[in-house]
C-alpha atoms as a PDB file:
ATOM      1  CA  MET A   1       9.017   7.024  48.622  1.00  0.00           C
ATOM      2  CA  HIS A   2      11.537   4.235  48.310  1.00  0.00           C
ATOM      3  CA  HIS A   3      12.581   1.829  45.589  1.00  0.00           C
ATOM      4  CA  ALA A   4      10.735  -0.976  47.431  1.00  0.00           C
ATOM      5  CA  HIS A   5       7.445   0.958  47.222  1.00  0.00           C
ATOM      6  CA  LEU A   6       7.817   1.374  43.481  1.00  0.00           C
ATOM      7  CA  ALA A   7       8.853  -2.264  43.017  1.00  0.00           C
ATOM      8  CA  ARG A   8       5.660  -3.377  44.818  1.00  0.00           C
ATOM      9  CA  TYR A   9       3.650  -0.986  42.670  1.00  0.00           C
ATOM     10  CA  ARG A  10       5.285  -2.445  39.548  1.00  0.00           C
ATOM     11  CA  SER A  11       4.170  -5.938  40.617  1.00  0.00           C
ATOM     12  CA  HIS A  12       0.642  -4.632  41.193  1.00  0.00           C
ATOM     13  CA  CYS A  13       0.591  -2.925  37.779  1.00  0.00           C
ATOM     14  CA  ALA A  14       1.868  -6.022  35.972  1.00  0.00           C
ATOM     15  CA  VAL A  15      -1.708  -7.304  35.958  1.00  0.00           C
ATOM     16  CA  HIS A  16      -3.152  -4.105  34.474  1.00  0.00           C
ATOM     17  CA  ILE A  17      -0.404  -2.512  32.359  1.00  0.00           C
ATOM     18  CA  LYS A  18       1.720  -3.973  29.572  1.00  0.00           C
ATOM     19  CA  PRO A  19       5.488  -3.842  30.152  1.00  0.00           C
ATOM     20  CA  LYS A  20       6.058  -1.323  27.339  1.00  0.00           C
ATOM     21  CA  THR A  21       3.460   1.011  28.873  1.00  0.00           C
ATOM     22  CA  TRP A  22       5.041   0.560  32.304  1.00  0.00           C
ATOM     23  CA  ASN A  23       8.407   1.576  30.867  1.00  0.00           C
ATOM     24  CA  LYS A  24       6.906   4.767  29.398  1.00  0.00           C
ATOM     25  CA  HIS A  25       5.360   5.681  32.755  1.00  0.00           C
ATOM     26  CA  CYS A  26       8.509   4.740  34.619  1.00  0.00           C
ATOM     27  CA  ILE A  27      10.732   6.915  32.411  1.00  0.00           C
ATOM     28  CA  ALA A  28       8.510   9.914  33.114  1.00  0.00           C
ATOM     29  CA  LEU A  29       8.416   9.134  36.839  1.00  0.00           C
ATOM     30  CA  SER A  30      12.174   8.656  36.916  1.00  0.00           C
ATOM     31  CA  SER A  31      12.678  12.073  35.319  1.00  0.00           C
ATOM     32  CA  LEU A  32      10.371  13.679  37.861  1.00  0.00           C
ATOM     33  CA  LEU A  33      11.986  11.929  40.830  1.00  0.00           C
ATOM     34  CA  GLY A  34      15.480  12.664  39.491  1.00  0.00           C
ATOM     35  CA  GLU A  35      14.665  16.370  39.363  1.00  0.00           C
ATOM     36  CA  ALA A  36      13.080  16.219  42.838  1.00  0.00           C
ATOM     37  CA  LEU A  37      16.215  14.526  44.164  1.00  0.00           C
ATOM     38  CA  HIS A  38      18.404  17.167  42.496  1.00  0.00           C
ATOM     39  CA  LEU A  39      16.336  19.997  44.027  1.00  0.00           C
ATOM     40  CA  GLY A  40      16.334  18.377  47.461  1.00  0.00           C
ATOM     41  CA  ALA A  41      12.573  17.795  47.517  1.00  0.00           C
ATOM     42  CA  ILE A  42      13.207  14.117  48.258  1.00  0.00           C
ATOM     43  CA  ARG A  43      16.112  12.568  50.112  1.00  0.00           C
ATOM     44  CA  GLY A  44      18.224   9.598  49.401  1.00  0.00           C
ATOM     45  CA  PRO A  45      21.373   8.564  47.674  1.00  0.00           C
ATOM     46  CA  ASP A  46      19.665   7.524  44.456  1.00  0.00           C
ATOM     47  CA  ASN A  47      16.595   7.970  42.268  1.00  0.00           C
ATOM     48  CA  PRO A  48      13.911   5.591  43.654  1.00  0.00           C
ATOM     49  CA  ALA A  49      12.698   4.761  40.121  1.00  0.00           C
ATOM     50  CA  ARG A  50      16.104   3.641  38.875  1.00  0.00           C
ATOM     51  CA  GLY A  51      16.214  -0.012  37.849  1.00  0.00           C
ATOM     52  CA  LEU A  52      12.467  -0.515  37.506  1.00  0.00           C
ATOM     53  CA  LEU A  53      12.308  -0.684  33.706  1.00  0.00           C
ATOM     54  CA  HIS A  54      11.459  -3.985  32.080  1.00  0.00           C
ATOM     55  CA  ASN A  55      14.337  -5.421  30.058  1.00  0.00           C
ATOM     56  CA  LYS A  56      14.033  -4.279  26.414  1.00  0.00           C
ATOM     57  CA  ASN A  57      15.358  -7.594  25.065  1.00  0.00           C
ATOM     58  CA  ALA A  58      12.745  -9.501  27.055  1.00  0.00           C
ATOM     59  CA  LEU A  59      10.051  -7.150  25.720  1.00  0.00           C
ATOM     60  CA  ARG A  60      11.053  -7.891  22.132  1.00  0.00           C
ATOM     61  CA  LYS A  61      10.840 -11.638  22.735  1.00  0.00           C
ATOM     62  CA  THR A  62       7.395 -11.445  24.342  1.00  0.00           C
ATOM     63  CA  SER A  63       5.776  -8.929  22.001  1.00  0.00           C
ATOM     64  CA  VAL A  64       3.158 -10.447  19.751  1.00  0.00           C
ATOM     65  CA  ALA A  65       3.294  -9.650  16.057  1.00  0.00           C
ATOM     66  CA  ARG A  66       0.161  -7.954  14.799  1.00  0.00           C
ATOM     67  CA  VAL A  67      -1.642  -9.925  12.165  1.00  0.00           C
ATOM     68  CA  PRO A  68      -3.262  -7.869   9.401  1.00  0.00           C
ATOM     69  CA  PHE A  69      -6.888  -8.384   8.434  1.00  0.00           C
ATOM     70  CA  THR A  70      -7.495 -10.759   5.557  1.00  0.00           C
ATOM     71  CA  ALA A  71      -9.457  -9.592   2.508  1.00  0.00           C
ATOM     72  CA  GLU A  72     -12.351 -11.794   3.645  1.00  0.00           C
ATOM     73  CA  GLU A  73     -12.383 -10.231   7.131  1.00  0.00           C
ATOM     74  CA  LEU A  74     -12.395  -6.731   5.654  1.00  0.00           C
ATOM     75  CA  GLN A  75     -15.270  -7.664   3.359  1.00  0.00           C
ATOM     76  CA  ARG A  76     -17.264  -8.881   6.375  1.00  0.00           C
ATOM     77  CA  VAL A  77     -16.538  -5.697   8.360  1.00  0.00           C
ATOM     78  CA  PHE A  78     -17.471  -3.394   5.505  1.00  0.00           C
ATOM     79  CA  ALA A  79     -20.412  -5.414   4.191  1.00  0.00           C
ATOM     80  CA  ALA A  80     -23.032  -3.101   2.680  1.00  0.00           C
ATOM     81  CA  GLY A  81     -25.915  -3.829   5.060  1.00  0.00           C
ATOM     82  CA  PRO A  82     -24.396  -3.720   8.547  1.00  0.00           C
ATOM     83  CA  TYR A  83     -21.787  -1.061   7.802  1.00  0.00           C
ATOM     84  CA  LYS A  84     -24.110   1.364   6.075  1.00  0.00           C
ATOM     85  CA  ALA A  85     -26.521   1.050   9.009  1.00  0.00           C
ATOM     86  CA  LEU A  86     -24.023   2.946  11.185  1.00  0.00           C
ATOM     87  CA  ARG A  87     -25.471   6.419  11.637  1.00  0.00           C
ATOM     88  CA  LYS A  88     -22.936   8.218  13.832  1.00  0.00           C
ATOM     89  CA  PRO A  89     -20.311  10.009  11.735  1.00  0.00           C
ATOM     90  CA  HIS A  90     -17.326   8.620  13.641  1.00  0.00           C
ATOM     91  CA  GLU A  91     -18.653   5.058  13.319  1.00  0.00           C
ATOM     92  CA  TYR A  92     -18.924   5.500   9.569  1.00  0.00           C
ATOM     93  CA  TRP A  93     -15.987   7.679   8.514  1.00  0.00           C
ATOM     94  CA  VAL A  94     -13.183   6.694  10.911  1.00  0.00           C
ATOM     95  CA  PRO A  95     -12.964   3.034   9.787  1.00  0.00           C
ATOM     96  CA  LEU A  96     -13.218   4.089   6.135  1.00  0.00           C
ATOM     97  CA  LEU A  97     -10.394   6.597   6.598  1.00  0.00           C
ATOM     98  CA  CYS A  98      -8.275   3.910   8.273  1.00  0.00           C
ATOM     99  CA  LEU A  99      -9.019   1.440   5.481  1.00  0.00           C
ATOM    100  CA  HIS A 100      -8.496   3.687   2.473  1.00  0.00           C
ATOM    101  CA  GLN A 101      -5.784   6.019   3.809  1.00  0.00           C
ATOM    102  CA  ALA A 102      -3.850   3.479   5.942  1.00  0.00           C
ATOM    103  CA  LEU A 103      -4.280   5.685   9.015  1.00  0.00           C
ATOM    104  CA  ARG A 104      -3.902   4.655  12.616  1.00  0.00           C
ATOM    105  CA  ALA A 105      -7.223   4.839  14.474  1.00  0.00           C
ATOM    106  CA  ASN A 106      -6.080   7.772  16.635  1.00  0.00           C
ATOM    107  CA  GLU A 107      -4.869   9.622  13.529  1.00  0.00           C
ATOM    108  CA  ALA A 108      -8.297   9.273  11.914  1.00  0.00           C
ATOM    109  CA  CYS A 109     -10.127  10.261  15.121  1.00  0.00           C
ATOM    110  CA  GLN A 110      -8.160  13.472  15.603  1.00  0.00           C
ATOM    111  CA  LEU A 111      -8.387  14.652  11.991  1.00  0.00           C
ATOM    112  CA  LYS A 112      -9.903  18.101  11.828  1.00  0.00           C
ATOM    113  CA  LEU A 113     -12.047  19.308   8.989  1.00  0.00           C
ATOM    114  CA  LYS A 114      -9.315  21.804   8.114  1.00  0.00           C
ATOM    115  CA  ASP A 115      -6.956  18.848   7.555  1.00  0.00           C
ATOM    116  CA  LEU A 116      -8.988  17.855   4.495  1.00  0.00           C
ATOM    117  CA  ASP A 117      -8.343  19.933   1.388  1.00  0.00           C
ATOM    118  CA  PHE A 118     -10.771  19.238  -1.437  1.00  0.00           C
ATOM    119  CA  GLU A 119      -9.509  22.239  -3.439  1.00  0.00           C
ATOM    120  CA  ALA A 120      -6.063  20.711  -3.949  1.00  0.00           C
ATOM    121  CA  THR A 121      -5.392  18.575  -7.000  1.00  0.00           C
ATOM    122  CA  PRO A 122      -5.740  15.797  -6.099  1.00  0.00           C
ATOM    123  CA  PRO A 123      -7.768  16.355  -2.889  1.00  0.00           C
ATOM    124  CA  GLN A 124      -5.558  15.862   0.168  1.00  0.00           C
ATOM    125  CA  LEU A 125      -5.623  14.794   3.781  1.00  0.00           C
ATOM    126  CA  ARG A 126      -3.025  16.091   6.235  1.00  0.00           C
ATOM    127  CA  VAL A 127      -1.954  14.043   9.270  1.00  0.00           C
ATOM    128  CA  CYS A 128      -0.299  16.437  11.693  1.00  0.00           C
ATOM    129  CA  ALA A 129       0.062  17.684  15.230  1.00  0.00           C
ATOM    130  CA  ALA A 130      -0.753  21.298  14.377  1.00  0.00           C
ATOM    131  CA  ASP A 131      -3.179  21.839  17.259  1.00  0.00           C
ATOM    132  CA  GLU A 132      -2.838  21.225  20.983  1.00  0.00           C
ATOM    133  CA  ASP A 133      -5.324  18.337  20.869  1.00  0.00           C
ATOM    134  CA  GLN A 134      -3.537  16.528  18.036  1.00  0.00           C
ATOM    135  CA  GLN A 135      -0.535  14.253  18.277  1.00  0.00           C
ATOM    136  CA  VAL A 136       1.342  11.835  16.067  1.00  0.00           C
ATOM    137  CA  LYS A 137       3.241   8.708  17.019  1.00  0.00           C
ATOM    138  CA  THR A 138       6.533   9.969  15.558  1.00  0.00           C
ATOM    139  CA  GLU A 139       7.678  13.107  13.787  1.00  0.00           C
ATOM    140  CA  GLN A 140       7.823  11.114  10.551  1.00  0.00           C
ATOM    141  CA  SER A 141       4.115  10.294  10.975  1.00  0.00           C
ATOM    142  CA  GLN A 142       3.224  13.834   9.927  1.00  0.00           C
ATOM    143  CA  ARG A 143       2.329  13.600   6.272  1.00  0.00           C
ATOM    144  CA  THR A 144       0.082  14.781   3.478  1.00  0.00           C
ATOM    145  CA  LEU A 145      -1.748  12.105   1.505  1.00  0.00           C
ATOM    146  CA  PRO A 146      -3.906  12.217  -1.584  1.00  0.00           C
ATOM    147  CA  LEU A 147      -7.497  11.391  -0.619  1.00  0.00           C
ATOM    148  CA  HIS A 148      -8.609   8.019  -1.891  1.00  0.00           C
ATOM    149  CA  PRO A 149     -11.229   8.473  -4.644  1.00  0.00           C
ATOM    150  CA  ARG A 150     -13.534   5.952  -2.950  1.00  0.00           C
ATOM    151  CA  LEU A 151     -13.923   8.277   0.063  1.00  0.00           C
ATOM    152  CA  ILE A 152     -15.031  11.078  -2.234  1.00  0.00           C
ATOM    153  CA  GLU A 153     -17.461   8.709  -4.006  1.00  0.00           C
ATOM    154  CA  LEU A 154     -18.927   7.775  -0.610  1.00  0.00           C
ATOM    155  CA  GLY A 155     -19.682  11.430   0.157  1.00  0.00           C
ATOM    156  CA  LEU A 156     -16.807  12.605   2.338  1.00  0.00           C
ATOM    157  CA  ARG A 157     -16.629  15.956   0.529  1.00  0.00           C
ATOM    158  CA  GLU A 158     -20.355  16.626   1.158  1.00  0.00           C
ATOM    159  CA  TYR A 159     -20.147  15.459   4.775  1.00  0.00           C
ATOM    160  CA  VAL A 160     -17.184  17.741   5.504  1.00  0.00           C
ATOM    161  CA  ALA A 161     -18.833  20.721   3.776  1.00  0.00           C
ATOM    162  CA  SER A 162     -22.038  20.260   5.794  1.00  0.00           C
ATOM    163  CA  VAL A 163     -20.233  19.931   9.112  1.00  0.00           C
ATOM    164  CA  ARG A 164     -18.031  22.955   8.330  1.00  0.00           C
ATOM    165  CA  ALA A 165     -21.155  25.006   7.648  1.00  0.00           C
ATOM    166  CA  VAL A 166     -22.543  24.186  11.100  1.00  0.00           C
ATOM    167  CA  CYS A 167     -19.450  23.816  13.282  1.00  0.00           C
ATOM    168  CA  GLY A 168     -16.490  25.424  11.504  1.00  0.00           C
ATOM    169  CA  SER A 169     -13.231  23.915  10.267  1.00  0.00           C
ATOM    170  CA  ASN A 170     -11.563  23.335  13.621  1.00  0.00           C
ATOM    171  CA  MET A 171     -13.876  20.485  14.579  1.00  0.00           C
ATOM    172  CA  ALA A 172     -12.626  16.896  14.536  1.00  0.00           C
ATOM    173  CA  ILE A 173     -14.093  14.452  12.042  1.00  0.00           C
ATOM    174  CA  ALA A 174     -14.911  12.108  14.920  1.00  0.00           C
ATOM    175  CA  CYS A 175     -16.917  14.459  17.094  1.00  0.00           C
ATOM    176  CA  PHE A 176     -18.050  13.184  20.462  1.00  0.00           C
ATOM    177  CA  SER A 177     -19.156  16.202  22.506  1.00  0.00           C
ATOM    178  CA  ASN A 178     -22.860  16.771  23.161  1.00  0.00           C
ATOM    179  CA  GLN A 179     -22.806  20.164  21.423  1.00  0.00           C
ATOM    180  CA  GLN A 180     -21.168  18.717  18.347  1.00  0.00           C
ATOM    181  CA  GLN A 181     -23.524  15.720  18.308  1.00  0.00           C
ATOM    182  CA  THR A 182     -26.541  18.050  18.580  1.00  0.00           C
ATOM    183  CA  ALA A 183     -25.266  20.085  15.635  1.00  0.00           C
ATOM    184  CA  LEU A 184     -24.606  16.936  13.662  1.00  0.00           C
ATOM    185  CA  GLN A 185     -28.091  15.532  14.211  1.00  0.00           C
ATOM    186  CA  ARG A 186     -29.191  18.121  11.666  1.00  0.00           C
ATOM    187  CA  LEU A 187     -26.703  16.660   9.208  1.00  0.00           C
ATOM    188  CA  ARG A 188     -27.850  13.031   9.221  1.00  0.00           C
ATOM    189  CA  SER A 189     -29.085  13.335   5.683  1.00  0.00           C
ATOM    190  CA  VAL A 190     -25.482  13.737   4.544  1.00  0.00           C
ATOM    191  CA  ALA A 191     -24.330  10.334   5.782  1.00  0.00           C
ATOM    192  CA  PRO A 192     -25.010   7.654   3.161  1.00  0.00           C
ATOM    193  CA  SER A 193     -28.198   5.715   3.853  1.00  0.00           C
ATOM    194  CA  ALA A 194     -28.521   1.974   4.211  1.00  0.00           C
END
C-alpha cells in the first residue's frame, strides 16, 4: 500500500463521504498504518496515510450552518392527526424526546429504560455511555435532565412501565429487533391513540 493508492481512494471517496468523515477515517487508518510501520508489518520510509487529511481551515469555510426548525415547521411535524397516527414506539417517542429534552437523535435512540427514573423528584432522564452499545458525542454530553412534564402527560411513564414488564430495563426505548417488536405488539394499547 502506497500513498498514491490512498490518494486515489480519497478522490473516489470524495463523492460518497464528507471531508470531516474522511478525516476521522484517515486518522484511524494513519494510526493503524503507523503502528504497522513501527512493527515492520509494512515497509517504507513513511506512513502511507500521512498528508491525506483535508485542511481544517478549508473545512470550516465549506461547512454549512445548521438551521433550526421554525415554530411553524415544528407545529406541522407534530400536528395531532399525522403524528398521533404513528404506531411504532420509536416513531412516536424518539422525536418527542428530541423535541422536549433537546436530545440528539442518536441519544434518544440509545436511551435505555433504566435511563429513565420516574421515582426521582422531579422524574429524570440520564444521557450516558454506561453500556457497551451506548455512546455520547463528547464526555460533556453525559448528563442528567429533568423529564419534561409534557412527556409524562403523553404517557411516557406508562409506556416505560409496560415495556419494562415485558422486556426488562436494559432494553432501548427505540427497539428495532424482531423479538422486541413482537413483545411490543402486545403493548400497542399503551401508545396514545389517534
